[in-house]
């Protein structure tokens, strides 16, 4: 059994782990090297993960000990497989069943949000009024919430702004930052102690089977820096 057979690529973070997963998954007796473009294409077409060749190439370059590169492409080394295996250790995994959106949003997320302390940071490439509904139902209005996104689904036009204004009028401290760069892929929730990585956008949890995974402090600290850097240059609404 391959290491990738036991992992869900949607909840792997950072991006290099998604690339390692794809290299391991695609590897066969006849071919064990793939270009960054082929890795990205596999993740997009076969796994529905929105990612670019440039993002894959940058991620693989960031850790040269995990792969070997030649003119034919990248080959996954044992170091990369070890990192994949280590990513599943000491994790708390919550499975979201398909066809149960109400339970996912009102039971699973409620349990996660009640454990969060101080400020809540959310990164989700796609949000809408149902994202705001999750904040309303599951968070304490005294707790500041920052949501970093690149797309606000606003149908009918103006609906999102009205819902956000209504939420704020009731005392909820919700800030929205729009970061339009294409490198915003991951979906996660964190506070000053914990980090939860979600396989799907929060507003679509329960529509299909997915996972929410609690990752370690090293990941939280790294992603906190990334979040803060992107928040600084995002357009606030």
C-alpha atoms as a PDB file:
ATOM      1  CA  UNK A   1       0.000   0.000   0.000  1.00  0.00           C
ATOM      2  CA  UNK A   2       1.260   3.461  -0.892  1.00  0.00           C
ATOM      3  CA  UNK A   3       1.561   6.148   1.768  1.00  0.00           C
ATOM      4  CA  UNK A   4      -0.879   8.259  -0.248  1.00  0.00           C
ATOM      5  CA  UNK A   5      -3.586   5.574  -0.029  1.00  0.00           C
ATOM      6  CA  UNK A   6      -4.194   6.408   3.636  1.00  0.00           C
ATOM      7  CA  UNK A   7      -4.304  10.207   3.252  1.00  0.00           C
ATOM      8  CA  UNK A   8      -6.865  12.734   2.037  1.00  0.00           C
ATOM      9  CA  UNK A   9      -4.992  15.313  -0.107  1.00  0.00           C
ATOM     10  CA  UNK A  10      -7.656  17.959   0.541  1.00  0.00           C
ATOM     11  CA  UNK A  11      -6.641  18.302   4.184  1.00  0.00           C
ATOM     12  CA  UNK A  12      -2.884  18.207   3.694  1.00  0.00           C
ATOM     13  CA  UNK A  13      -1.054  21.440   4.445  1.00  0.00           C
ATOM     14  CA  UNK A  14       1.241  23.117   3.453  1.00  0.00           C
ATOM     15  CA  UNK A  15       1.088  22.817  -0.346  1.00  0.00           C
ATOM     16  CA  UNK A  16       4.266  20.754  -0.546  1.00  0.00           C
ATOM     17  CA  UNK A  17       2.472  17.867   1.191  1.00  0.00           C
ATOM     18  CA  UNK A  18      -0.216  17.928  -1.510  1.00  0.00           C
ATOM     19  CA  UNK A  19       2.583  17.749  -4.089  1.00  0.00           C
ATOM     20  CA  UNK A  20       4.287  14.871  -2.241  1.00  0.00           C
ATOM     21  CA  UNK A  21       0.931  13.062  -2.077  1.00  0.00           C
ATOM     22  CA  UNK A  22       0.403  13.441  -5.826  1.00  0.00           C
ATOM     23  CA  UNK A  23       3.933  12.252  -6.668  1.00  0.00           C
ATOM     24  CA  UNK A  24       3.423   9.190  -4.497  1.00  0.00           C
ATOM     25  CA  UNK A  25      -0.059   8.507  -5.881  1.00  0.00           C
ATOM     26  CA  UNK A  26       0.946   8.818  -9.547  1.00  0.00           C
ATOM     27  CA  UNK A  27       4.126   6.761  -9.208  1.00  0.00           C
ATOM     28  CA  UNK A  28       4.148   3.439 -11.072  1.00  0.00           C
ATOM     29  CA  UNK A  29       6.694   0.821 -12.097  1.00  0.00           C
ATOM     30  CA  UNK A  30       7.017   2.471 -15.506  1.00  0.00           C
ATOM     31  CA  UNK A  31       7.072   6.111 -14.380  1.00  0.00           C
ATOM     32  CA  UNK A  32       8.251   7.708 -11.149  1.00  0.00           C
ATOM     33  CA  UNK A  33       9.014  11.257 -12.328  1.00  0.00           C
ATOM     34  CA  UNK A  34       6.537  14.022 -13.062  1.00  0.00           C
ATOM     35  CA  UNK A  35       6.767  17.708 -13.891  1.00  0.00           C
ATOM     36  CA  UNK A  36       5.190  20.371 -11.686  1.00  0.00           C
ATOM     37  CA  UNK A  37       2.609  20.910 -14.442  1.00  0.00           C
ATOM     38  CA  UNK A  38       1.577  17.234 -14.392  1.00  0.00           C
ATOM     39  CA  UNK A  39       1.345  17.252 -10.588  1.00  0.00           C
ATOM     40  CA  UNK A  40      -0.886  20.327 -10.682  1.00  0.00           C
ATOM     41  CA  UNK A  41      -3.034  18.841 -13.468  1.00  0.00           C
ATOM     42  CA  UNK A  42      -3.515  15.614 -11.487  1.00  0.00           C
ATOM     43  CA  UNK A  43      -4.595  17.503  -8.365  1.00  0.00           C
ATOM     44  CA  UNK A  44      -6.988  19.716 -10.334  1.00  0.00           C
ATOM     45  CA  UNK A  45      -8.564  17.114 -12.625  1.00  0.00           C
ATOM     46  CA  UNK A  46      -8.496  14.008 -10.420  1.00  0.00           C
ATOM     47  CA  UNK A  47      -8.926  15.511  -6.944  1.00  0.00           C
ATOM     48  CA  UNK A  48     -10.718  18.792  -7.549  1.00  0.00           C
ATOM     49  CA  UNK A  49      -7.996  20.796  -5.792  1.00  0.00           C
ATOM     50  CA  UNK A  50      -7.586  24.267  -7.283  1.00  0.00           C
ATOM     51  CA  UNK A  51      -3.834  24.728  -7.572  1.00  0.00           C
ATOM     52  CA  UNK A  52      -1.363  26.029 -10.142  1.00  0.00           C
ATOM     53  CA  UNK A  53       1.867  24.734 -11.642  1.00  0.00           C
ATOM     54  CA  UNK A  54       3.683  27.725 -10.178  1.00  0.00           C
ATOM     55  CA  UNK A  55       2.426  26.933  -6.667  1.00  0.00           C
ATOM     56  CA  UNK A  56       3.554  23.300  -6.972  1.00  0.00           C
ATOM     57  CA  UNK A  57       6.959  24.260  -8.327  1.00  0.00           C
ATOM     58  CA  UNK A  58       7.520  26.819  -5.570  1.00  0.00           C
ATOM     59  CA  UNK A  59       6.484  24.318  -2.889  1.00  0.00           C
ATOM     60  CA  UNK A  60       8.796  21.597  -4.195  1.00  0.00           C
ATOM     61  CA  UNK A  61      11.712  24.017  -4.432  1.00  0.00           C
ATOM     62  CA  UNK A  62      11.187  24.972  -0.790  1.00  0.00           C
ATOM     63  CA  UNK A  63      12.241  21.492   0.356  1.00  0.00           C
ATOM     64  CA  UNK A  64      14.838  20.027  -1.996  1.00  0.00           C
ATOM     65  CA  UNK A  65      15.641  17.132   0.357  1.00  0.00           C
ATOM     66  CA  UNK A  66      12.190  15.617  -0.188  1.00  0.00           C
ATOM     67  CA  UNK A  67      12.380  15.236  -3.963  1.00  0.00           C
ATOM     68  CA  UNK A  68      14.918  14.686  -6.712  1.00  0.00           C
ATOM     69  CA  UNK A  69      14.621  16.686  -9.908  1.00  0.00           C
ATOM     70  CA  UNK A  70      16.050  16.074 -13.371  1.00  0.00           C
ATOM     71  CA  UNK A  71      14.998  16.885 -16.929  1.00  0.00           C
ATOM     72  CA  UNK A  72      12.120  14.396 -16.717  1.00  0.00           C
ATOM     73  CA  UNK A  73      10.625  15.926 -13.586  1.00  0.00           C
ATOM     74  CA  UNK A  74      10.376  15.337  -9.843  1.00  0.00           C
ATOM     75  CA  UNK A  75      10.771  12.009  -8.042  1.00  0.00           C
ATOM     76  CA  UNK A  76       9.591  11.642  -4.429  1.00  0.00           C
ATOM     77  CA  UNK A  77      12.353  10.659  -2.000  1.00  0.00           C
ATOM     78  CA  UNK A  78      11.993   8.786   1.299  1.00  0.00           C
ATOM     79  CA  UNK A  79      12.240  12.090   3.164  1.00  0.00           C
ATOM     80  CA  UNK A  80       9.076  13.240   1.406  1.00  0.00           C
ATOM     81  CA  UNK A  81       7.249  10.016   2.256  1.00  0.00           C
ATOM     82  CA  UNK A  82       8.302  10.367   5.892  1.00  0.00           C
ATOM     83  CA  UNK A  83       6.837  13.851   5.946  1.00  0.00           C
ATOM     84  CA  UNK A  84       3.586  12.483   4.542  1.00  0.00           C
ATOM     85  CA  UNK A  85       3.455   9.764   7.200  1.00  0.00           C
ATOM     86  CA  UNK A  86       4.310  12.246   9.955  1.00  0.00           C
ATOM     87  CA  UNK A  87       1.459  14.521   8.867  1.00  0.00           C
ATOM     88  CA  UNK A  88      -1.078  11.981  10.167  1.00  0.00           C
ATOM     89  CA  UNK A  89       0.517  11.510  13.586  1.00  0.00           C
ATOM     90  CA  UNK A  90      -1.026  13.099  16.674  1.00  0.00           C
ATOM     91  CA  UNK A  91      -3.923  14.479  14.669  1.00  0.00           C
ATOM     92  CA  UNK A  92      -7.524  14.788  15.708  1.00  0.00           C
ATOM     93  CA  UNK A  93      -9.646  13.900  12.682  1.00  0.00           C
ATOM     94  CA  UNK A  94     -13.357  14.670  12.362  1.00  0.00           C
ATOM     95  CA  UNK A  95     -15.174  12.979   9.500  1.00  0.00           C
ATOM     96  CA  UNK A  96     -18.014  14.898   7.831  1.00  0.00           C
ATOM     97  CA  UNK A  97     -20.590  12.537   6.372  1.00  0.00           C
ATOM     98  CA  UNK A  98     -22.061  13.245   2.960  1.00  0.00           C
ATOM     99  CA  UNK A  99     -25.654  14.465   2.910  1.00  0.00           C
ATOM    100  CA  UNK A 100     -25.565  15.872   6.451  1.00  0.00           C
ATOM    101  CA  UNK A 101     -24.957  19.626   6.066  1.00  0.00           C
ATOM    102  CA  UNK A 102     -27.137  20.535   9.047  1.00  0.00           C
ATOM    103  CA  UNK A 103     -25.212  18.246  11.402  1.00  0.00           C
ATOM    104  CA  UNK A 104     -21.885  19.448  10.027  1.00  0.00           C
ATOM    105  CA  UNK A 105     -22.678  23.119  10.548  1.00  0.00           C
ATOM    106  CA  UNK A 106     -24.639  22.889  13.797  1.00  0.00           C
ATOM    107  CA  UNK A 107     -22.908  20.058  15.653  1.00  0.00           C
ATOM    108  CA  UNK A 108     -19.386  19.544  14.294  1.00  0.00           C
ATOM    109  CA  UNK A 109     -18.563  23.227  13.841  1.00  0.00           C
ATOM    110  CA  UNK A 110     -20.264  24.115  17.125  1.00  0.00           C
ATOM    111  CA  UNK A 111     -17.960  21.708  18.940  1.00  0.00           C
ATOM    112  CA  UNK A 112     -14.878  23.187  17.242  1.00  0.00           C
ATOM    113  CA  UNK A 113     -15.867  26.822  17.767  1.00  0.00           C
ATOM    114  CA  UNK A 114     -16.600  26.317  21.473  1.00  0.00           C
ATOM    115  CA  UNK A 115     -12.968  25.239  21.949  1.00  0.00           C
ATOM    116  CA  UNK A 116     -11.536  28.354  20.294  1.00  0.00           C
ATOM    117  CA  UNK A 117     -10.161  31.107  22.523  1.00  0.00           C
ATOM    118  CA  UNK A 118      -9.581  34.816  21.969  1.00  0.00           C
ATOM    119  CA  UNK A 119      -9.521  35.890  18.304  1.00  0.00           C
ATOM    120  CA  UNK A 120     -10.720  33.478  15.609  1.00  0.00           C
ATOM    121  CA  UNK A 121      -8.979  33.490  12.220  1.00  0.00           C
ATOM    122  CA  UNK A 122     -10.658  31.829   9.245  1.00  0.00           C
ATOM    123  CA  UNK A 123      -9.234  31.338   5.772  1.00  0.00           C
ATOM    124  CA  UNK A 124     -11.699  30.200   3.115  1.00  0.00           C
ATOM    125  CA  UNK A 125     -11.324  30.990  -0.618  1.00  0.00           C
ATOM    126  CA  UNK A 126     -15.105  31.063  -1.109  1.00  0.00           C
ATOM    127  CA  UNK A 127     -17.593  32.583   1.338  1.00  0.00           C
ATOM    128  CA  UNK A 128     -21.239  33.682   1.221  1.00  0.00           C
ATOM    129  CA  UNK A 129     -24.103  34.517   3.570  1.00  0.00           C
ATOM    130  CA  UNK A 130     -24.039  30.937   4.890  1.00  0.00           C
ATOM    131  CA  UNK A 131     -20.491  31.529   6.136  1.00  0.00           C
ATOM    132  CA  UNK A 132     -21.846  34.466   8.148  1.00  0.00           C
ATOM    133  CA  UNK A 133     -24.632  32.217   9.416  1.00  0.00           C
ATOM    134  CA  UNK A 134     -22.002  29.809  10.760  1.00  0.00           C
ATOM    135  CA  UNK A 135     -20.347  32.666  12.656  1.00  0.00           C
ATOM    136  CA  UNK A 136     -23.720  33.743  14.067  1.00  0.00           C
ATOM    137  CA  UNK A 137     -24.694  30.267  15.264  1.00  0.00           C
ATOM    138  CA  UNK A 138     -21.360  29.005  16.530  1.00  0.00           C
ATOM    139  CA  UNK A 139     -19.242  31.883  17.849  1.00  0.00           C
ATOM    140  CA  UNK A 140     -19.482  34.204  20.836  1.00  0.00           C
ATOM    141  CA  UNK A 141     -20.261  37.758  19.700  1.00  0.00           C
ATOM    142  CA  UNK A 142     -17.558  39.023  22.070  1.00  0.00           C
ATOM    143  CA  UNK A 143     -14.890  37.086  20.169  1.00  0.00           C
ATOM    144  CA  UNK A 144     -13.334  38.956  17.210  1.00  0.00           C
ATOM    145  CA  UNK A 145     -13.447  37.013  13.935  1.00  0.00           C
ATOM    146  CA  UNK A 146     -11.281  37.696  10.890  1.00  0.00           C
ATOM    147  CA  UNK A 147     -12.180  35.954   7.623  1.00  0.00           C
ATOM    148  CA  UNK A 148      -9.637  35.925   4.794  1.00  0.00           C
ATOM    149  CA  UNK A 149     -11.059  35.061   1.368  1.00  0.00           C
ATOM    150  CA  UNK A 150     -10.590  35.686  -2.331  1.00  0.00           C
ATOM    151  CA  UNK A 151     -14.197  35.312  -3.508  1.00  0.00           C
ATOM    152  CA  UNK A 152     -17.463  36.504  -1.998  1.00  0.00           C
ATOM    153  CA  UNK A 153     -20.462  34.816  -3.584  1.00  0.00           C
ATOM    154  CA  UNK A 154     -23.053  37.585  -3.535  1.00  0.00           C
ATOM    155  CA  UNK A 155     -26.378  36.440  -4.986  1.00  0.00           C
ATOM    156  CA  UNK A 156     -28.583  38.406  -5.315  1.00  0.00           C
ATOM    157  CA  UNK A 157     -26.160  41.322  -5.501  1.00  0.00           C
ATOM    158  CA  UNK A 158     -25.903  43.217  -2.220  1.00  0.00           C
ATOM    159  CA  UNK A 159     -27.174  40.326  -0.070  1.00  0.00           C
ATOM    160  CA  UNK A 160     -23.810  39.635   1.546  1.00  0.00           C
ATOM    161  CA  UNK A 161     -23.235  43.273   2.522  1.00  0.00           C
ATOM    162  CA  UNK A 162     -26.690  43.479   4.129  1.00  0.00           C
ATOM    163  CA  UNK A 163     -26.180  40.279   6.118  1.00  0.00           C
ATOM    164  CA  UNK A 164     -22.742  41.434   7.260  1.00  0.00           C
ATOM    165  CA  UNK A 165     -24.168  44.785   8.386  1.00  0.00           C
ATOM    166  CA  UNK A 166     -26.980  43.010  10.276  1.00  0.00           C
ATOM    167  CA  UNK A 167     -24.488  40.707  11.992  1.00  0.00           C
ATOM    168  CA  UNK A 168     -22.335  43.632  13.065  1.00  0.00           C
ATOM    169  CA  UNK A 169     -25.370  45.575  14.285  1.00  0.00           C
ATOM    170  CA  UNK A 170     -26.013  42.782  16.786  1.00  0.00           C
ATOM    171  CA  UNK A 171     -22.531  43.169  18.217  1.00  0.00           C
ATOM    172  CA  UNK A 172     -20.563  40.539  16.293  1.00  0.00           C
ATOM    173  CA  UNK A 173     -16.995  41.649  15.616  1.00  0.00           C
ATOM    174  CA  UNK A 174     -16.533  40.258  12.109  1.00  0.00           C
ATOM    175  CA  UNK A 175     -13.914  41.562   9.691  1.00  0.00           C
ATOM    176  CA  UNK A 176     -13.555  40.421   6.074  1.00  0.00           C
ATOM    177  CA  UNK A 177     -10.295  40.661   4.138  1.00  0.00           C
ATOM    178  CA  UNK A 178     -10.248  40.011   0.376  1.00  0.00           C
ATOM    179  CA  UNK A 179      -6.919  38.607  -0.798  1.00  0.00           C
ATOM    180  CA  UNK A 180      -7.208  38.090  -4.539  1.00  0.00           C
ATOM    181  CA  UNK A 181      -3.942  36.228  -5.185  1.00  0.00           C
ATOM    182  CA  UNK A 182      -4.268  32.774  -6.732  1.00  0.00           C
ATOM    183  CA  UNK A 183      -2.098  31.206  -3.999  1.00  0.00           C
ATOM    184  CA  UNK A 184      -4.988  31.268  -1.506  1.00  0.00           C
ATOM    185  CA  UNK A 185      -6.028  27.598  -1.512  1.00  0.00           C
ATOM    186  CA  UNK A 186      -6.350  26.184   1.984  1.00  0.00           C
ATOM    187  CA  UNK A 187      -9.386  26.316   4.249  1.00  0.00           C
ATOM    188  CA  UNK A 188      -8.699  26.522   7.954  1.00  0.00           C
ATOM    189  CA  UNK A 189      -9.778  27.862  11.341  1.00  0.00           C
ATOM    190  CA  UNK A 190      -7.365  28.814  14.117  1.00  0.00           C
ATOM    191  CA  UNK A 191      -6.966  30.767  17.319  1.00  0.00           C
ATOM    192  CA  UNK A 192      -4.015  31.369  19.631  1.00  0.00           C
ATOM    193  CA  UNK A 193      -3.709  27.665  20.483  1.00  0.00           C
ATOM    194  CA  UNK A 194      -5.278  25.422  17.836  1.00  0.00           C
ATOM    195  CA  UNK A 195      -5.355  24.948  14.067  1.00  0.00           C
ATOM    196  CA  UNK A 196      -8.089  23.101  12.161  1.00  0.00           C
ATOM    197  CA  UNK A 197      -7.715  22.305   8.461  1.00  0.00           C
ATOM    198  CA  UNK A 198     -10.905  21.676   6.482  1.00  0.00           C
ATOM    199  CA  UNK A 199     -11.226  19.739   3.252  1.00  0.00           C
ATOM    200  CA  UNK A 200     -14.162  21.885   2.093  1.00  0.00           C
ATOM    201  CA  UNK A 201     -15.344  25.455   2.451  1.00  0.00           C
ATOM    202  CA  UNK A 202     -17.300  25.924   5.670  1.00  0.00           C
ATOM    203  CA  UNK A 203     -20.483  26.922   3.845  1.00  0.00           C
ATOM    204  CA  UNK A 204     -20.503  23.595   1.955  1.00  0.00           C
ATOM    205  CA  UNK A 205     -19.639  21.218   4.800  1.00  0.00           C
ATOM    206  CA  UNK A 206     -21.826  18.132   4.759  1.00  0.00           C
ATOM    207  CA  UNK A 207     -22.728  18.320   1.079  1.00  0.00           C
ATOM    208  CA  UNK A 208     -20.160  15.616   0.428  1.00  0.00           C
ATOM    209  CA  UNK A 209     -17.825  13.498   2.526  1.00  0.00           C
ATOM    210  CA  UNK A 210     -14.828  15.411   3.856  1.00  0.00           C
ATOM    211  CA  UNK A 211     -12.605  15.806   6.888  1.00  0.00           C
ATOM    212  CA  UNK A 212     -11.606  18.470   9.393  1.00  0.00           C
ATOM    213  CA  UNK A 213      -8.213  17.793  10.965  1.00  0.00           C
ATOM    214  CA  UNK A 214      -6.561  19.396  13.967  1.00  0.00           C
ATOM    215  CA  UNK A 215      -2.876  19.892  13.176  1.00  0.00           C
ATOM    216  CA  UNK A 216       0.115  20.642  15.380  1.00  0.00           C
ATOM    217  CA  UNK A 217       1.584  23.815  16.812  1.00  0.00           C
ATOM    218  CA  UNK A 218       4.346  23.979  14.200  1.00  0.00           C
ATOM    219  CA  UNK A 219       1.743  24.184  11.440  1.00  0.00           C
ATOM    220  CA  UNK A 220      -0.308  26.736  13.400  1.00  0.00           C
ATOM    221  CA  UNK A 221       2.645  29.045  13.898  1.00  0.00           C
ATOM    222  CA  UNK A 222       3.669  28.852  10.240  1.00  0.00           C
ATOM    223  CA  UNK A 223       0.149  29.474   8.975  1.00  0.00           C
ATOM    224  CA  UNK A 224      -0.359  32.310  11.461  1.00  0.00           C
ATOM    225  CA  UNK A 225       2.538  34.181   9.856  1.00  0.00           C
ATOM    226  CA  UNK A 226       1.087  33.509   6.404  1.00  0.00           C
ATOM    227  CA  UNK A 227      -2.387  34.621   7.467  1.00  0.00           C
ATOM    228  CA  UNK A 228      -1.140  37.847   9.048  1.00  0.00           C
ATOM    229  CA  UNK A 229       0.996  38.736   6.020  1.00  0.00           C
ATOM    230  CA  UNK A 230      -1.937  38.234   3.660  1.00  0.00           C
ATOM    231  CA  UNK A 231      -4.326  40.053   5.990  1.00  0.00           C
ATOM    232  CA  UNK A 232      -2.127  43.151   5.971  1.00  0.00           C
ATOM    233  CA  UNK A 233      -2.413  43.553   2.192  1.00  0.00           C
ATOM    234  CA  UNK A 234      -6.014  42.388   1.820  1.00  0.00           C
ATOM    235  CA  UNK A 235      -8.891  44.746   1.011  1.00  0.00           C
ATOM    236  CA  UNK A 236     -11.090  45.097   4.097  1.00  0.00           C
ATOM    237  CA  UNK A 237     -14.874  45.308   3.994  1.00  0.00           C
END
